[in-house]
PDB file of N, CA and C in Angstrom:
ATOM      1  N   UNK A   1     108.248 118.804 102.558  1.00  0.00           N
ATOM      2  CA  UNK A   1     107.175 118.093 103.186  1.00  0.00           C
ATOM      3  C   UNK A   1     107.504 117.839 104.661  1.00  0.00           C
ATOM      4  N   UNK A   2     108.765 117.548 104.924  1.00  0.00           N
ATOM      5  CA  UNK A   2     109.149 117.326 106.323  1.00  0.00           C
ATOM      6  C   UNK A   2     108.933 118.592 107.149  1.00  0.00           C
ATOM      7  N   UNK A   3     109.204 119.749 106.573  1.00  0.00           N
ATOM      8  CA  UNK A   3     108.998 121.006 107.291  1.00  0.00           C
ATOM      9  C   UNK A   3     107.519 121.242 107.587  1.00  0.00           C
ATOM     10  N   UNK A   4     106.634 120.602 106.817  1.00  0.00           N
ATOM     11  CA  UNK A   4     105.195 120.709 107.055  1.00  0.00           C
ATOM     12  C   UNK A   4     104.715 119.659 108.052  1.00  0.00           C
ATOM     13  N   UNK A   5     105.638 118.823 108.550  1.00  0.00           N
ATOM     14  CA  UNK A   5     105.290 117.852 109.576  1.00  0.00           C
ATOM     15  C   UNK A   5     105.040 116.443 109.086  1.00  0.00           C
ATOM     16  N   UNK A   6     105.244 116.181 107.786  1.00  0.00           N
ATOM     17  CA  UNK A   6     105.021 114.836 107.259  1.00  0.00           C
ATOM     18  C   UNK A   6     106.225 113.936 107.544  1.00  0.00           C
ATOM     19  N   UNK A   7     105.975 112.663 107.753  1.00  0.00           N
ATOM     20  CA  UNK A   7     107.009 111.666 108.030  1.00  0.00           C
ATOM     21  C   UNK A   7     106.850 110.484 107.075  1.00  0.00           C
ATOM     22  N   UNK A   8     107.869 109.655 106.984  1.00  0.00           N
ATOM     23  CA  UNK A   8     107.836 108.457 106.134  1.00  0.00           C
ATOM     24  C   UNK A   8     107.434 108.803 104.695  1.00  0.00           C
ATOM     25  N   UNK A   9     108.089 109.784 104.136  1.00  0.00           N
ATOM     26  CA  UNK A   9     107.765 110.257 102.791  1.00  0.00           C
ATOM     27  C   UNK A   9     108.241 109.229 101.762  1.00  0.00           C
ATOM     28  N   UNK A  10     107.349 108.904 100.820  1.00  0.00           N
ATOM     29  CA  UNK A  10     107.643 107.922  99.776  1.00  0.00           C
ATOM     30  C   UNK A  10     107.356 108.539  98.408  1.00  0.00           C
ATOM     31  N   UNK A  11     108.275 108.308  97.481  1.00  0.00           N
ATOM     32  CA  UNK A  11     108.112 108.781  96.106  1.00  0.00           C
ATOM     33  C   UNK A  11     107.722 107.608  95.231  1.00  0.00           C
ATOM     34  N   UNK A  12     106.710 107.797  94.398  1.00  0.00           N
ATOM     35  CA  UNK A  12     106.263 106.749  93.489  1.00  0.00           C
ATOM     36  C   UNK A  12     107.003 106.804  92.167  1.00  0.00           C
ATOM     37  N   UNK A  13     106.453 106.137  91.197  1.00  0.00           N
ATOM     38  CA  UNK A  13     107.031 106.056  89.862  1.00  0.00           C
ATOM     39  C   UNK A  13     106.524 107.199  88.995  1.00  0.00           C
ATOM     40  N   UNK A  14     107.378 107.708  88.136  1.00  0.00           N
ATOM     41  CA  UNK A  14     106.952 108.734  87.181  1.00  0.00           C
ATOM     42  C   UNK A  14     106.041 108.092  86.145  1.00  0.00           C
ATOM     43  N   UNK A  15     104.943 108.780  85.833  1.00  0.00           N
ATOM     44  CA  UNK A  15     103.953 108.248  84.900  1.00  0.00           C
ATOM     45  C   UNK A  15     103.532 109.339  83.926  1.00  0.00           C
ATOM     46  N   UNK A  16     103.352 108.966  82.670  1.00  0.00           N
ATOM     47  CA  UNK A  16     102.848 109.903  81.663  1.00  0.00           C
ATOM     48  C   UNK A  16     101.329 109.993  81.821  1.00  0.00           C
ATOM     49  N   UNK A  17     100.883 110.826  82.740  1.00  0.00           N
ATOM     50  CA  UNK A  17      99.456 110.925  83.063  1.00  0.00           C
ATOM     51  C   UNK A  17      98.650 111.653  81.991  1.00  0.00           C
ATOM     52  N   UNK A  18      99.319 112.334  81.059  1.00  0.00           N
ATOM     53  CA  UNK A  18      98.610 113.072  80.021  1.00  0.00           C
ATOM     54  C   UNK A  18      98.472 112.280  78.723  1.00  0.00           C
ATOM     55  N   UNK A  19      99.004 111.068  78.679  1.00  0.00           N
ATOM     56  CA  UNK A  19      98.921 110.253  77.475  1.00  0.00           C
ATOM     57  C   UNK A  19      97.461 110.042  77.073  1.00  0.00           C
ATOM     58  N   UNK A  20      97.138 110.407  75.848  1.00  0.00           N
ATOM     59  CA  UNK A  20      95.783 110.242  75.340  1.00  0.00           C
ATOM     60  C   UNK A  20      94.839 111.384  75.682  1.00  0.00           C
ATOM     61  N   UNK A  21      95.319 112.385  76.409  1.00  0.00           N
ATOM     62  CA  UNK A  21      94.446 113.511  76.777  1.00  0.00           C
ATOM     63  C   UNK A  21      94.483 114.592  75.698  1.00  0.00           C
ATOM     64  N   UNK A  22      93.580 115.534  75.805  1.00  0.00           N
ATOM     65  CA  UNK A  22      93.523 116.641  74.847  1.00  0.00           C
ATOM     66  C   UNK A  22      94.776 117.508  74.903  1.00  0.00           C
ATOM     67  N   UNK A  23      95.484 117.495  76.017  1.00  0.00           N
ATOM     68  CA  UNK A  23      96.679 118.332  76.182  1.00  0.00           C
ATOM     69  C   UNK A  23      97.972 117.523  76.140  1.00  0.00           C
ATOM     70  N   UNK A  24      97.911 116.344  75.547  1.00  0.00           N
ATOM     71  CA  UNK A  24      99.091 115.473  75.507  1.00  0.00           C
ATOM     72  C   UNK A  24     100.287 116.152  74.849  1.00  0.00           C
ATOM     73  N   UNK A  25     100.083 116.833  73.720  1.00  0.00           N
ATOM     74  CA  UNK A  25     101.218 117.458  73.032  1.00  0.00           C
ATOM     75  C   UNK A  25     101.817 118.593  73.865  1.00  0.00           C
ATOM     76  N   UNK A  26     100.973 119.361  74.563  1.00  0.00           N
ATOM     77  CA  UNK A  26     101.489 120.430  75.427  1.00  0.00           C
ATOM     78  C   UNK A  26     102.337 119.850  76.546  1.00  0.00           C
ATOM     79  N   UNK A  27     101.862 118.781  77.147  1.00  0.00           N
ATOM     80  CA  UNK A  27     102.588 118.151  78.249  1.00  0.00           C
ATOM     81  C   UNK A  27     103.932 117.606  77.769  1.00  0.00           C
ATOM     82  N   UNK A  28     103.947 117.006  76.586  1.00  0.00           N
ATOM     83  CA  UNK A  28     105.207 116.462  76.047  1.00  0.00           C
ATOM     84  C   UNK A  28     106.202 117.567  75.744  1.00  0.00           C
ATOM     85  N   UNK A  29     105.708 118.714  75.282  1.00  0.00           N
ATOM     86  CA  UNK A  29     106.604 119.840  74.981  1.00  0.00           C
ATOM     87  C   UNK A  29     107.381 120.279  76.221  1.00  0.00           C
ATOM     88  N   UNK A  30     106.764 120.158  77.379  1.00  0.00           N
ATOM     89  CA  UNK A  30     107.390 120.585  78.626  1.00  0.00           C
ATOM     90  C   UNK A  30     107.948 119.429  79.446  1.00  0.00           C
ATOM     91  N   UNK A  31     107.838 118.196  78.932  1.00  0.00           N
ATOM     92  CA  UNK A  31     108.351 117.031  79.659  1.00  0.00           C
ATOM     93  C   UNK A  31     107.579 116.743  80.939  1.00  0.00           C
ATOM     94  N   UNK A  32     106.280 117.045  80.927  1.00  0.00           N
ATOM     95  CA  UNK A  32     105.445 116.901  82.119  1.00  0.00           C
ATOM     96  C   UNK A  32     105.121 115.437  82.415  1.00  0.00           C
ATOM     97  N   UNK A  33     105.358 115.026  83.644  1.00  0.00           N
ATOM     98  CA  UNK A  33     105.005 113.688  84.118  1.00  0.00           C
ATOM     99  C   UNK A  33     104.300 113.829  85.457  1.00  0.00           C
ATOM    100  N   UNK A  34     103.559 112.813  85.837  1.00  0.00           N
ATOM    101  CA  UNK A  34     102.929 112.782  87.151  1.00  0.00           C
ATOM    102  C   UNK A  34     103.717 111.863  88.067  1.00  0.00           C
ATOM    103  N   UNK A  35     103.651 112.117  89.349  1.00  0.00           N
ATOM    104  CA  UNK A  35     104.307 111.260  90.325  1.00  0.00           C
ATOM    105  C   UNK A  35     103.472 111.268  91.604  1.00  0.00           C
ATOM    106  N   UNK A  36     103.357 110.116  92.218  1.00  0.00           N
ATOM    107  CA  UNK A  36     102.628 110.010  93.474  1.00  0.00           C
ATOM    108  C   UNK A  36     103.612 110.177  94.626  1.00  0.00           C
ATOM    109  N   UNK A  37     103.255 111.026  95.570  1.00  0.00           N
ATOM    110  CA  UNK A  37     104.068 111.240  96.760  1.00  0.00           C
ATOM    111  C   UNK A  37     103.194 110.913  97.963  1.00  0.00           C
ATOM    112  N   UNK A  38     103.700 110.080  98.843  1.00  0.00           N
ATOM    113  CA  UNK A  38     102.931 109.702 100.025  1.00  0.00           C
ATOM    114  C   UNK A  38     103.714 109.969 101.301  1.00  0.00           C
ATOM    115  N   UNK A  39     102.998 110.111 102.358  1.00  0.00           N
ATOM    116  CA  UNK A  39     103.617 110.326 103.660  1.00  0.00           C
ATOM    117  C   UNK A  39     102.526 110.313 104.717  1.00  0.00           C
ATOM    118  N   UNK A  40     102.949 110.447 105.947  1.00  0.00           N
ATOM    119  CA  UNK A  40     101.965 110.504 107.033  1.00  0.00           C
ATOM    120  C   UNK A  40     102.262 111.709 107.897  1.00  0.00           C
ATOM    121  N   UNK A  41     101.224 112.278 108.451  1.00  0.00           N
ATOM    122  CA  UNK A  41     101.383 113.411 109.347  1.00  0.00           C
ATOM    123  C   UNK A  41     100.881 112.964 110.719  1.00  0.00           C
ATOM    124  N   UNK A  42     101.803 112.764 111.653  1.00  0.00           N
ATOM    125  CA  UNK A  42     101.412 112.270 112.976  1.00  0.00           C
ATOM    126  C   UNK A  42     100.445 113.232 113.680  1.00  0.00           C
ATOM    127  N   UNK A  43      99.618 112.673 114.542  1.00  0.00           N
ATOM    128  CA  UNK A  43      98.759 113.504 115.368  1.00  0.00           C
ATOM    129  C   UNK A  43      99.621 114.208 116.408  1.00  0.00           C
ATOM    130  N   UNK A  44      99.064 115.141 117.123  1.00  0.00           N
ATOM    131  CA  UNK A  44      99.826 115.874 118.124  1.00  0.00           C
ATOM    132  C   UNK A  44     100.325 114.952 119.226  1.00  0.00           C
ATOM    133  N   UNK A  45      99.691 113.794 119.377  1.00  0.00           N
ATOM    134  CA  UNK A  45     100.120 112.824 120.395  1.00  0.00           C
ATOM    135  C   UNK A  45     101.277 111.960 119.904  1.00  0.00           C
ATOM    136  N   UNK A  46     101.651 112.062 118.639  1.00  0.00           N
ATOM    137  CA  UNK A  46     102.785 111.301 118.146  1.00  0.00           C
ATOM    138  C   UNK A  46     102.423 110.383 117.076  1.00  0.00           C
TER     139      UNK A  46
END
């Protein structure tokens, strides 16, 4: 992400986003979790 120009990168908490969905068992088989990633991309002026 830094190579793409993002700064102040923050990682959120891992969450079982597939819980209760039609594909819950598939996601569990692969250990799939969701995570929020945030950051900012400065303008060309800084």
